[in-house]
């Protein structure tokens, strides 16, 4: 696996650094002009951070910190819906895949970090999982061509795009509420700098709940490949460094079982992306 960079906290103090098998190598103190990883992304500095970490000792052991979401305050988090063939069939509406992609927005507060609990809110017991690959924009662009899209990516991460299923149908036309309960989803564990299109073109994405595989597909089967997503989104909004695009989930979410299999406290959800890593979360009830 290539180099990994993460945001994390120790006793309430936030750091960022390079991930090793034994813990973190803190880098934030060496780059005070970049107060967080978002600033490093905006400066095109991820590879410089990895270079600075070479041969440095671990500063925080694996049991001494908590993961945070990699980027705390991006300008935009844009999610792509219904982006695998079997997902379209799950809707059972007799319609072929649409000509254009479905999009919605999430807020950073709706996500938590790796190895931290998803929060099932008081308002609903229908918390569901959606394993996905997330990409981080590294170069500003508008009207980006498909052929140029990869050059606008800085890094890759993983997402559990947790959803309150009944709250995505609270009105005639919206999903915003059901996608934005505090800490209902997760991002991370880290950023993997993007260097080659092979990191995204046909990689396996898998979601397991309590060890049982629920979702398993490859990005090569996306209805709207990642370059098309970047091109389409940049048609109506300027993509800027640090923006996150969450690229779509395969079939197998809990709502599609009969009866539905929603998440309950104590469940362990693992989202694994080939060459990216593994994002793990538990579930707790809101207090």
C-alpha atoms as a PDB file:
ATOM      1  CA  UNK A   1       0.000   0.000   0.000  1.00  0.00           C
ATOM      2  CA  UNK A   2       1.212   3.509  -0.783  1.00  0.00           C
ATOM      3  CA  UNK A   3       1.741   6.212   1.829  1.00  0.00           C
ATOM      4  CA  UNK A   4      -1.150   7.221   4.093  1.00  0.00           C
ATOM      5  CA  UNK A   5      -1.916  10.502   5.843  1.00  0.00           C
ATOM      6  CA  UNK A   6      -4.475  10.936   8.596  1.00  0.00           C
ATOM      7  CA  UNK A   7      -6.038  13.480  10.908  1.00  0.00           C
ATOM      8  CA  UNK A   8      -6.234  12.384  14.532  1.00  0.00           C
ATOM      9  CA  UNK A   9      -6.604  13.681  18.064  1.00  0.00           C
ATOM     10  CA  UNK A  10      -4.913  13.050  21.414  1.00  0.00           C
ATOM     11  CA  UNK A  11      -6.654  14.292  24.549  1.00  0.00           C
ATOM     12  CA  UNK A  12      -8.634  16.796  22.512  1.00  0.00           C
ATOM     13  CA  UNK A  13      -5.640  18.176  20.576  1.00  0.00           C
ATOM     14  CA  UNK A  14      -5.738  17.660  16.826  1.00  0.00           C
ATOM     15  CA  UNK A  15      -2.775  16.528  14.766  1.00  0.00           C
ATOM     16  CA  UNK A  16      -2.109  15.153  11.332  1.00  0.00           C
ATOM     17  CA  UNK A  17       0.591  12.788  10.293  1.00  0.00           C
ATOM     18  CA  UNK A  18       1.745   9.700   8.445  1.00  0.00           C
ATOM     19  CA  UNK A  19       0.225   6.319   9.297  1.00  0.00           C
ATOM     20  CA  UNK A  20       2.472   3.361  10.116  1.00  0.00           C
ATOM     21  CA  UNK A  21       1.712  -0.130  11.373  1.00  0.00           C
ATOM     22  CA  UNK A  22       2.809   0.968  14.854  1.00  0.00           C
ATOM     23  CA  UNK A  23       1.048   4.317  15.059  1.00  0.00           C
ATOM     24  CA  UNK A  24       1.350   7.880  13.828  1.00  0.00           C
ATOM     25  CA  UNK A  25       4.275  10.052  12.881  1.00  0.00           C
ATOM     26  CA  UNK A  26       3.051  13.543  13.746  1.00  0.00           C
ATOM     27  CA  UNK A  27       3.835  16.095  11.038  1.00  0.00           C
ATOM     28  CA  UNK A  28       1.610  19.036  11.927  1.00  0.00           C
ATOM     29  CA  UNK A  29       4.209  20.604  14.229  1.00  0.00           C
ATOM     30  CA  UNK A  30       6.743  20.632  11.363  1.00  0.00           C
ATOM     31  CA  UNK A  31       4.358  22.381   8.956  1.00  0.00           C
ATOM     32  CA  UNK A  32       2.743  25.184  10.992  1.00  0.00           C
ATOM     33  CA  UNK A  33       1.815  26.997   7.770  1.00  0.00           C
ATOM     34  CA  UNK A  34      -0.519  24.052   7.071  1.00  0.00           C
ATOM     35  CA  UNK A  35      -2.752  23.880  10.147  1.00  0.00           C
ATOM     36  CA  UNK A  36      -4.573  20.793   8.879  1.00  0.00           C
ATOM     37  CA  UNK A  37      -4.637  18.338   5.987  1.00  0.00           C
ATOM     38  CA  UNK A  38      -7.110  20.521   4.120  1.00  0.00           C
ATOM     39  CA  UNK A  39      -4.469  23.256   3.976  1.00  0.00           C
ATOM     40  CA  UNK A  40      -1.923  20.704   2.773  1.00  0.00           C
ATOM     41  CA  UNK A  41      -4.275  19.550   0.011  1.00  0.00           C
ATOM     42  CA  UNK A  42      -4.886  23.135  -1.058  1.00  0.00           C
ATOM     43  CA  UNK A  43      -1.121  23.701  -1.213  1.00  0.00           C
ATOM     44  CA  UNK A  44      -0.493  20.483  -3.160  1.00  0.00           C
ATOM     45  CA  UNK A  45       1.600  19.267  -0.263  1.00  0.00           C
ATOM     46  CA  UNK A  46       0.589  15.651   0.414  1.00  0.00           C
ATOM     47  CA  UNK A  47       3.653  14.100  -1.170  1.00  0.00           C
ATOM     48  CA  UNK A  48       5.874  16.579   0.652  1.00  0.00           C
ATOM     49  CA  UNK A  49       4.356  15.395   3.930  1.00  0.00           C
ATOM     50  CA  UNK A  50       5.064  11.767   3.095  1.00  0.00           C
ATOM     51  CA  UNK A  51       8.625  12.631   2.159  1.00  0.00           C
ATOM     52  CA  UNK A  52       9.085  14.415   5.498  1.00  0.00           C
ATOM     53  CA  UNK A  53       7.895  11.316   7.371  1.00  0.00           C
ATOM     54  CA  UNK A  54      10.573   9.027   5.948  1.00  0.00           C
ATOM     55  CA  UNK A  55      12.824   7.523   8.635  1.00  0.00           C
ATOM     56  CA  UNK A  56      11.010   9.454  11.384  1.00  0.00           C
ATOM     57  CA  UNK A  57      10.003   7.711  14.622  1.00  0.00           C
ATOM     58  CA  UNK A  58       6.416   7.034  15.653  1.00  0.00           C
ATOM     59  CA  UNK A  59       5.183   9.830  17.913  1.00  0.00           C
ATOM     60  CA  UNK A  60       1.790   8.399  18.918  1.00  0.00           C
ATOM     61  CA  UNK A  61       1.303   4.669  19.419  1.00  0.00           C
ATOM     62  CA  UNK A  62      -1.724   2.958  17.889  1.00  0.00           C
ATOM     63  CA  UNK A  63      -3.625   2.908  21.193  1.00  0.00           C
ATOM     64  CA  UNK A  64      -2.888   6.556  22.041  1.00  0.00           C
ATOM     65  CA  UNK A  65      -5.054   8.497  19.593  1.00  0.00           C
ATOM     66  CA  UNK A  66      -8.470   8.715  17.927  1.00  0.00           C
ATOM     67  CA  UNK A  67      -8.972   9.031  14.200  1.00  0.00           C
ATOM     68  CA  UNK A  68     -10.803  12.116  12.955  1.00  0.00           C
ATOM     69  CA  UNK A  69     -12.306  12.543   9.506  1.00  0.00           C
ATOM     70  CA  UNK A  70      -9.373  13.345   7.178  1.00  0.00           C
ATOM     71  CA  UNK A  71     -10.586  16.812   6.131  1.00  0.00           C
ATOM     72  CA  UNK A  72     -12.555  18.717   8.739  1.00  0.00           C
ATOM     73  CA  UNK A  73     -14.100  21.556   6.768  1.00  0.00           C
ATOM     74  CA  UNK A  74     -14.108  21.066   2.990  1.00  0.00           C
ATOM     75  CA  UNK A  75     -16.094  23.543   0.942  1.00  0.00           C
ATOM     76  CA  UNK A  76     -18.233  20.778  -0.590  1.00  0.00           C
ATOM     77  CA  UNK A  77     -19.045  17.114  -0.025  1.00  0.00           C
ATOM     78  CA  UNK A  78     -21.022  15.882  -3.034  1.00  0.00           C
ATOM     79  CA  UNK A  79     -22.416  12.345  -3.138  1.00  0.00           C
ATOM     80  CA  UNK A  80     -23.361  10.310  -6.209  1.00  0.00           C
ATOM     81  CA  UNK A  81     -26.425   8.082  -5.850  1.00  0.00           C
ATOM     82  CA  UNK A  82     -27.622   4.953  -7.689  1.00  0.00           C
ATOM     83  CA  UNK A  83     -24.327   4.439  -9.493  1.00  0.00           C
ATOM     84  CA  UNK A  84     -24.127   0.653  -9.947  1.00  0.00           C
ATOM     85  CA  UNK A  85     -26.330  -1.422 -12.303  1.00  0.00           C
ATOM     86  CA  UNK A  86     -27.813  -3.574  -9.545  1.00  0.00           C
ATOM     87  CA  UNK A  87     -28.530  -0.501  -7.414  1.00  0.00           C
ATOM     88  CA  UNK A  88     -30.702   0.878 -10.196  1.00  0.00           C
ATOM     89  CA  UNK A  89     -32.588  -2.428 -10.378  1.00  0.00           C
ATOM     90  CA  UNK A  90     -33.212  -2.308  -6.611  1.00  0.00           C
ATOM     91  CA  UNK A  91     -35.635   0.558  -7.127  1.00  0.00           C
ATOM     92  CA  UNK A  92     -37.982  -1.775  -9.045  1.00  0.00           C
ATOM     93  CA  UNK A  93     -39.528   1.115 -10.935  1.00  0.00           C
ATOM     94  CA  UNK A  94     -39.145  -0.457 -14.376  1.00  0.00           C
ATOM     95  CA  UNK A  95     -36.837   2.314 -15.512  1.00  0.00           C
ATOM     96  CA  UNK A  96     -33.438   2.011 -17.116  1.00  0.00           C
ATOM     97  CA  UNK A  97     -30.462   3.802 -15.620  1.00  0.00           C
ATOM     98  CA  UNK A  98     -30.902   7.573 -16.029  1.00  0.00           C
ATOM     99  CA  UNK A  99     -28.923   9.604 -18.536  1.00  0.00           C
ATOM    100  CA  UNK A 100     -27.543  11.809 -15.759  1.00  0.00           C
ATOM    101  CA  UNK A 101     -26.352  11.034 -12.253  1.00  0.00           C
ATOM    102  CA  UNK A 102     -28.249  11.678  -9.034  1.00  0.00           C
ATOM    103  CA  UNK A 103     -26.444  13.980  -6.603  1.00  0.00           C
ATOM    104  CA  UNK A 104     -26.889  15.240  -3.070  1.00  0.00           C
ATOM    105  CA  UNK A 105     -24.891  17.107  -0.447  1.00  0.00           C
ATOM    106  CA  UNK A 106     -23.582  16.037   2.954  1.00  0.00           C
ATOM    107  CA  UNK A 107     -22.174  18.172   5.744  1.00  0.00           C
ATOM    108  CA  UNK A 108     -18.852  17.364   7.473  1.00  0.00           C
ATOM    109  CA  UNK A 109     -20.630  17.056  10.837  1.00  0.00           C
ATOM    110  CA  UNK A 110     -22.595  14.083   9.501  1.00  0.00           C
ATOM    111  CA  UNK A 111     -19.379  12.010   9.471  1.00  0.00           C
ATOM    112  CA  UNK A 112     -17.159  10.538  12.162  1.00  0.00           C
ATOM    113  CA  UNK A 113     -13.740   8.919  11.952  1.00  0.00           C
ATOM    114  CA  UNK A 114     -12.397   5.375  11.744  1.00  0.00           C
ATOM    115  CA  UNK A 115     -12.917   3.110  14.766  1.00  0.00           C
ATOM    116  CA  UNK A 116     -15.536   5.462  16.198  1.00  0.00           C
ATOM    117  CA  UNK A 117     -19.262   4.774  16.545  1.00  0.00           C
ATOM    118  CA  UNK A 118     -21.916   5.728  14.064  1.00  0.00           C
ATOM    119  CA  UNK A 119     -24.736   7.328  16.019  1.00  0.00           C
ATOM    120  CA  UNK A 120     -28.251   5.959  15.583  1.00  0.00           C
ATOM    121  CA  UNK A 121     -30.405   9.038  16.323  1.00  0.00           C
ATOM    122  CA  UNK A 122     -33.368   9.264  18.646  1.00  0.00           C
ATOM    123  CA  UNK A 123     -35.539  10.194  15.651  1.00  0.00           C
ATOM    124  CA  UNK A 124     -35.179   6.878  13.772  1.00  0.00           C
ATOM    125  CA  UNK A 125     -34.111   3.240  14.127  1.00  0.00           C
ATOM    126  CA  UNK A 126     -33.550   2.823  10.376  1.00  0.00           C
ATOM    127  CA  UNK A 127     -29.826   3.532  10.175  1.00  0.00           C
ATOM    128  CA  UNK A 128     -28.324   1.890   7.091  1.00  0.00           C
ATOM    129  CA  UNK A 129     -24.801   1.468   5.664  1.00  0.00           C
ATOM    130  CA  UNK A 130     -23.399   2.304   2.224  1.00  0.00           C
ATOM    131  CA  UNK A 131     -19.747   1.505   1.507  1.00  0.00           C
ATOM    132  CA  UNK A 132     -18.121   3.820  -1.012  1.00  0.00           C
ATOM    133  CA  UNK A 133     -14.883   5.251  -2.330  1.00  0.00           C
ATOM    134  CA  UNK A 134     -14.304   8.967  -1.751  1.00  0.00           C
ATOM    135  CA  UNK A 135     -12.055  11.167  -3.856  1.00  0.00           C
ATOM    136  CA  UNK A 136     -10.504  14.469  -2.837  1.00  0.00           C
ATOM    137  CA  UNK A 137     -10.083  17.223  -5.410  1.00  0.00           C
ATOM    138  CA  UNK A 138      -6.593  18.686  -5.614  1.00  0.00           C
ATOM    139  CA  UNK A 139      -6.812  21.163  -8.492  1.00  0.00           C
ATOM    140  CA  UNK A 140      -9.499  23.775  -9.123  1.00  0.00           C
ATOM    141  CA  UNK A 141     -11.567  23.380 -12.246  1.00  0.00           C
ATOM    142  CA  UNK A 142     -14.782  24.209 -14.047  1.00  0.00           C
ATOM    143  CA  UNK A 143     -16.068  22.447 -17.171  1.00  0.00           C
ATOM    144  CA  UNK A 144     -13.431  19.749 -16.709  1.00  0.00           C
ATOM    145  CA  UNK A 145     -13.225  17.256 -19.573  1.00  0.00           C
ATOM    146  CA  UNK A 146     -13.528  13.545 -18.778  1.00  0.00           C
ATOM    147  CA  UNK A 147     -10.081  13.057 -20.282  1.00  0.00           C
ATOM    148  CA  UNK A 148      -8.556  15.576 -17.869  1.00  0.00           C
ATOM    149  CA  UNK A 149     -10.481  14.575 -14.745  1.00  0.00           C
ATOM    150  CA  UNK A 150      -7.865  12.351 -13.106  1.00  0.00           C
ATOM    151  CA  UNK A 151      -5.404  15.250 -13.042  1.00  0.00           C
ATOM    152  CA  UNK A 152      -7.768  17.045 -10.639  1.00  0.00           C
ATOM    153  CA  UNK A 153      -7.635  14.325  -7.945  1.00  0.00           C
ATOM    154  CA  UNK A 154      -5.317  14.713  -4.947  1.00  0.00           C
ATOM    155  CA  UNK A 155      -6.217  11.706  -2.827  1.00  0.00           C
ATOM    156  CA  UNK A 156      -8.549   8.779  -2.180  1.00  0.00           C
ATOM    157  CA  UNK A 157     -10.342   7.683   0.968  1.00  0.00           C
ATOM    158  CA  UNK A 158     -13.288   5.511   2.044  1.00  0.00           C
ATOM    159  CA  UNK A 159     -16.788   6.324   3.203  1.00  0.00           C
ATOM    160  CA  UNK A 160     -19.620   4.605   5.028  1.00  0.00           C
ATOM    161  CA  UNK A 161     -22.389   6.831   3.753  1.00  0.00           C
ATOM    162  CA  UNK A 162     -24.788   6.064   6.606  1.00  0.00           C
ATOM    163  CA  UNK A 163     -28.430   6.847   5.849  1.00  0.00           C
ATOM    164  CA  UNK A 164     -31.635   7.135   7.875  1.00  0.00           C
ATOM    165  CA  UNK A 165     -33.939   5.499   5.374  1.00  0.00           C
ATOM    166  CA  UNK A 166     -37.272   6.854   6.584  1.00  0.00           C
ATOM    167  CA  UNK A 167     -35.876  10.393   6.691  1.00  0.00           C
ATOM    168  CA  UNK A 168     -34.941  10.371   2.992  1.00  0.00           C
ATOM    169  CA  UNK A 169     -38.665  10.197   2.243  1.00  0.00           C
ATOM    170  CA  UNK A 170     -39.929  12.935   4.569  1.00  0.00           C
ATOM    171  CA  UNK A 171     -41.056  15.155   1.710  1.00  0.00           C
ATOM    172  CA  UNK A 172     -41.977  14.957  -1.949  1.00  0.00           C
ATOM    173  CA  UNK A 173     -38.497  15.529  -3.303  1.00  0.00           C
ATOM    174  CA  UNK A 174     -35.458  15.382  -1.034  1.00  0.00           C
ATOM    175  CA  UNK A 175     -32.905  13.169   0.669  1.00  0.00           C
ATOM    176  CA  UNK A 176     -31.051  15.848   2.647  1.00  0.00           C
ATOM    177  CA  UNK A 177     -32.421  15.056   6.097  1.00  0.00           C
ATOM    178  CA  UNK A 178     -31.777  11.318   5.944  1.00  0.00           C
ATOM    179  CA  UNK A 179     -28.200  11.870   4.807  1.00  0.00           C
ATOM    180  CA  UNK A 180     -27.113  14.434   7.378  1.00  0.00           C
ATOM    181  CA  UNK A 181     -27.812  13.284  10.923  1.00  0.00           C
ATOM    182  CA  UNK A 182     -24.771  14.039  13.088  1.00  0.00           C
ATOM    183  CA  UNK A 183     -22.154  11.241  13.021  1.00  0.00           C
ATOM    184  CA  UNK A 184     -24.419   8.935  11.033  1.00  0.00           C
ATOM    185  CA  UNK A 185     -21.661   8.131   8.526  1.00  0.00           C
ATOM    186  CA  UNK A 186     -17.884   7.815   8.491  1.00  0.00           C
ATOM    187  CA  UNK A 187     -14.932   8.997   6.393  1.00  0.00           C
ATOM    188  CA  UNK A 188     -11.378   7.707   6.469  1.00  0.00           C
ATOM    189  CA  UNK A 189      -9.356   6.217   7.930  1.00  0.00           C
ATOM    190  CA  UNK A 190      -6.818   8.225   5.947  1.00  0.00           C
ATOM    191  CA  UNK A 191      -5.941   9.845   2.647  1.00  0.00           C
ATOM    192  CA  UNK A 192      -4.007   7.854   0.055  1.00  0.00           C
ATOM    193  CA  UNK A 193      -2.359  10.291  -2.373  1.00  0.00           C
ATOM    194  CA  UNK A 194      -3.527   9.704  -5.931  1.00  0.00           C
ATOM    195  CA  UNK A 195      -0.729   8.932  -8.354  1.00  0.00           C
ATOM    196  CA  UNK A 196      -2.175   6.664 -11.037  1.00  0.00           C
ATOM    197  CA  UNK A 197      -5.584   5.943 -12.572  1.00  0.00           C
ATOM    198  CA  UNK A 198      -5.174   2.246 -11.724  1.00  0.00           C
ATOM    199  CA  UNK A 199      -5.968   3.242  -8.115  1.00  0.00           C
ATOM    200  CA  UNK A 200      -9.575   3.942  -9.183  1.00  0.00           C
ATOM    201  CA  UNK A 201     -10.438   2.456 -12.562  1.00  0.00           C
ATOM    202  CA  UNK A 202     -11.386  -1.088 -11.523  1.00  0.00           C
ATOM    203  CA  UNK A 203     -10.912  -1.590  -7.809  1.00  0.00           C
ATOM    204  CA  UNK A 204     -12.949  -3.761  -5.471  1.00  0.00           C
ATOM    205  CA  UNK A 205     -15.171  -2.163  -2.825  1.00  0.00           C
ATOM    206  CA  UNK A 206     -16.618  -4.402  -0.104  1.00  0.00           C
ATOM    207  CA  UNK A 207     -18.825  -3.823   2.943  1.00  0.00           C
ATOM    208  CA  UNK A 208     -19.152  -6.294   5.803  1.00  0.00           C
ATOM    209  CA  UNK A 209     -21.511  -6.178   8.790  1.00  0.00           C
ATOM    210  CA  UNK A 210     -20.411  -8.333  11.730  1.00  0.00           C
ATOM    211  CA  UNK A 211     -18.143 -10.235   9.354  1.00  0.00           C
ATOM    212  CA  UNK A 212     -20.890 -10.954   6.788  1.00  0.00           C
ATOM    213  CA  UNK A 213     -20.270  -9.575   3.300  1.00  0.00           C
ATOM    214  CA  UNK A 214     -23.197  -7.379   2.301  1.00  0.00           C
ATOM    215  CA  UNK A 215     -21.776  -5.349  -0.595  1.00  0.00           C
ATOM    216  CA  UNK A 216     -19.125  -6.423  -3.100  1.00  0.00           C
ATOM    217  CA  UNK A 217     -18.486  -4.805  -6.481  1.00  0.00           C
ATOM    218  CA  UNK A 218     -15.874  -3.047  -8.582  1.00  0.00           C
ATOM    219  CA  UNK A 219     -15.552   0.566  -9.691  1.00  0.00           C
ATOM    220  CA  UNK A 220     -15.249  -0.615 -13.287  1.00  0.00           C
ATOM    221  CA  UNK A 221     -18.994  -1.376 -13.195  1.00  0.00           C
ATOM    222  CA  UNK A 222     -20.059   2.134 -12.195  1.00  0.00           C
ATOM    223  CA  UNK A 223     -22.805   3.596 -14.365  1.00  0.00           C
ATOM    224  CA  UNK A 224     -21.021   6.943 -14.159  1.00  0.00           C
ATOM    225  CA  UNK A 225     -17.245   6.432 -13.878  1.00  0.00           C
ATOM    226  CA  UNK A 226     -15.271   8.767 -11.666  1.00  0.00           C
ATOM    227  CA  UNK A 227     -13.935  10.949 -14.522  1.00  0.00           C
ATOM    228  CA  UNK A 228     -17.518  11.461 -15.681  1.00  0.00           C
ATOM    229  CA  UNK A 229     -18.546  12.423 -12.164  1.00  0.00           C
ATOM    230  CA  UNK A 230     -15.866  15.108 -11.996  1.00  0.00           C
ATOM    231  CA  UNK A 231     -16.769  16.401 -15.448  1.00  0.00           C
ATOM    232  CA  UNK A 232     -20.513  16.502 -14.789  1.00  0.00           C
ATOM    233  CA  UNK A 233     -20.259  18.119 -11.347  1.00  0.00           C
ATOM    234  CA  UNK A 234     -17.835  20.747 -12.620  1.00  0.00           C
ATOM    235  CA  UNK A 235     -20.404  21.764 -15.224  1.00  0.00           C
ATOM    236  CA  UNK A 236     -22.487  23.541 -12.577  1.00  0.00           C
ATOM    237  CA  UNK A 237     -20.014  24.268  -9.761  1.00  0.00           C
ATOM    238  CA  UNK A 238     -16.322  25.063  -9.573  1.00  0.00           C
ATOM    239  CA  UNK A 239     -14.491  22.193  -7.928  1.00  0.00           C
ATOM    240  CA  UNK A 240     -11.786  23.432  -5.557  1.00  0.00           C
ATOM    241  CA  UNK A 241      -8.991  21.671  -3.657  1.00  0.00           C
ATOM    242  CA  UNK A 242     -10.355  19.791  -0.671  1.00  0.00           C
ATOM    243  CA  UNK A 243     -13.790  19.150  -2.161  1.00  0.00           C
ATOM    244  CA  UNK A 244     -14.874  15.539  -1.648  1.00  0.00           C
ATOM    245  CA  UNK A 245     -16.878  13.436  -4.090  1.00  0.00           C
ATOM    246  CA  UNK A 246     -18.387  10.243  -2.675  1.00  0.00           C
ATOM    247  CA  UNK A 247     -18.694   8.062  -5.711  1.00  0.00           C
ATOM    248  CA  UNK A 248     -21.600   5.638  -5.185  1.00  0.00           C
ATOM    249  CA  UNK A 249     -22.403   2.406  -3.357  1.00  0.00           C
ATOM    250  CA  UNK A 250     -22.994  -1.128  -4.709  1.00  0.00           C
ATOM    251  CA  UNK A 251     -26.135  -3.158  -4.165  1.00  0.00           C
ATOM    252  CA  UNK A 252     -26.664  -4.825  -0.779  1.00  0.00           C
ATOM    253  CA  UNK A 253     -27.594  -2.051   1.645  1.00  0.00           C
ATOM    254  CA  UNK A 254     -29.732  -3.173   4.569  1.00  0.00           C
ATOM    255  CA  UNK A 255     -32.922  -1.506   3.323  1.00  0.00           C
ATOM    256  CA  UNK A 256     -32.994  -3.819   0.286  1.00  0.00           C
ATOM    257  CA  UNK A 257     -33.315  -7.040   2.275  1.00  0.00           C
ATOM    258  CA  UNK A 258     -36.732  -8.541   3.017  1.00  0.00           C
ATOM    259  CA  UNK A 259     -37.207  -7.788   5.827  1.00  0.00           C
ATOM    260  CA  UNK A 260     -34.757  -4.848   5.996  1.00  0.00           C
ATOM    261  CA  UNK A 261     -31.602  -5.354   8.028  1.00  0.00           C
ATOM    262  CA  UNK A 262     -30.884  -2.005   9.647  1.00  0.00           C
ATOM    263  CA  UNK A 263     -27.925  -1.343  11.894  1.00  0.00           C
ATOM    264  CA  UNK A 264     -28.298  -1.753  15.667  1.00  0.00           C
ATOM    265  CA  UNK A 265     -26.023  -0.865  18.587  1.00  0.00           C
ATOM    266  CA  UNK A 266     -23.058  -3.223  18.775  1.00  0.00           C
ATOM    267  CA  UNK A 267     -22.850  -3.877  15.040  1.00  0.00           C
ATOM    268  CA  UNK A 268     -19.420  -3.624  13.406  1.00  0.00           C
ATOM    269  CA  UNK A 269     -19.302  -2.298   9.847  1.00  0.00           C
ATOM    270  CA  UNK A 270     -16.181  -2.589   7.693  1.00  0.00           C
ATOM    271  CA  UNK A 271     -15.775  -0.874   4.345  1.00  0.00           C
ATOM    272  CA  UNK A 272     -12.735  -2.095   2.436  1.00  0.00           C
ATOM    273  CA  UNK A 273     -11.308  -0.596  -0.734  1.00  0.00           C
ATOM    274  CA  UNK A 274      -8.665  -2.428  -2.727  1.00  0.00           C
ATOM    275  CA  UNK A 275      -5.368  -0.590  -2.349  1.00  0.00           C
ATOM    276  CA  UNK A 276      -6.964   2.035  -0.089  1.00  0.00           C
ATOM    277  CA  UNK A 277      -7.539   0.388   3.280  1.00  0.00           C
ATOM    278  CA  UNK A 278     -10.324  -0.523   5.681  1.00  0.00           C
ATOM    279  CA  UNK A 279     -12.783   1.811   7.417  1.00  0.00           C
ATOM    280  CA  UNK A 280     -14.322   0.269  10.530  1.00  0.00           C
ATOM    281  CA  UNK A 281     -17.110   1.597  12.772  1.00  0.00           C
ATOM    282  CA  UNK A 282     -19.440   0.385  15.470  1.00  0.00           C
ATOM    283  CA  UNK A 283     -22.961   1.653  16.239  1.00  0.00           C
ATOM    284  CA  UNK A 284     -24.265   3.418  19.351  1.00  0.00           C
ATOM    285  CA  UNK A 285     -27.569   5.059  20.197  1.00  0.00           C
ATOM    286  CA  UNK A 286     -27.777   8.817  20.591  1.00  0.00           C
ATOM    287  CA  UNK A 287     -27.802   9.826  24.253  1.00  0.00           C
END
